[in-house]
Protein backbone atom coordinates (compact mmCIF):
# COMPACT_ATOMS: atom_id res chain seq x y z
CA MET A 1 102.44 256.87 195.66
CA HIS A 2 99.32 255.00 196.20
CA GLY A 3 99.90 251.81 194.02
CA SER A 4 102.40 253.87 191.67
CA GLY A 5 103.56 251.11 189.61
CA VAL A 6 100.93 248.15 190.28
CA ASN A 7 98.57 246.65 188.21
CA GLU A 8 96.11 246.18 191.48
CA ALA A 9 92.95 248.18 193.19
CA VAL A 10 94.15 250.72 195.92
CA VAL A 11 91.10 249.01 197.72
CA SER A 12 89.42 245.95 197.58
CA GLU A 13 86.46 244.30 199.63
CA GLU A 14 88.38 241.62 200.52
CA SER A 15 91.46 243.73 201.80
CA VAL A 16 88.77 245.86 204.05
CA LYS A 17 87.45 242.35 205.23
CA GLU A 18 90.79 241.05 206.25
CA PHE A 19 91.96 244.24 208.08
CA ILE A 20 88.20 244.34 209.85
CA ALA A 21 88.69 240.49 211.21
CA ALA A 22 91.92 241.40 212.18
CA GLY A 23 90.97 243.95 214.51
CA ALA A 24 91.20 247.48 212.43
CA ASP A 25 89.43 250.19 214.44
CA VAL A 26 89.67 252.52 211.10
CA ILE A 27 89.73 251.69 207.50
CA LEU A 28 91.22 254.80 205.47
CA VAL A 29 90.03 254.60 202.12
CA PRO A 30 91.01 257.65 199.33
CA ALA A 31 88.35 260.19 198.64
CA VAL A 32 87.32 260.01 195.11
CA GLY A 33 89.11 261.75 192.60
CA THR A 34 92.17 262.05 194.74
CA VAL A 35 94.12 258.49 193.31
CA PRO A 36 93.90 257.75 189.85
CA GLY A 37 91.14 254.94 188.97
CA PHE A 38 89.42 254.94 192.60
CA THR A 39 85.73 255.40 192.00
CA LYS A 40 82.80 256.39 193.59
CA SER A 41 81.48 252.62 193.03
CA ASP A 42 85.03 251.39 194.65
CA LEU A 43 84.31 253.56 197.77
CA ILE A 44 80.48 252.31 197.92
CA SER A 45 81.53 248.40 197.45
CA SER A 46 84.55 249.45 200.48
CA LEU A 47 81.83 250.70 202.69
CA ILE A 48 79.48 247.95 202.09
CA ALA A 49 82.11 245.25 202.83
CA ALA A 50 83.19 247.23 206.49
CA THR A 51 79.41 246.81 206.81
CA LEU A 52 78.84 243.37 206.53
């Protein structure tokens, strides 16, 4: 499922910035604990990237 079989982050600061630059109105990120490896720290860095 989300990121299954790949060795990369589910969400990255760079991808969030790219989506916003492309005109995205909403960035959907997983809730902490719902996707293996996605942590509170990942969520916070995604939110910070979206607000800068």
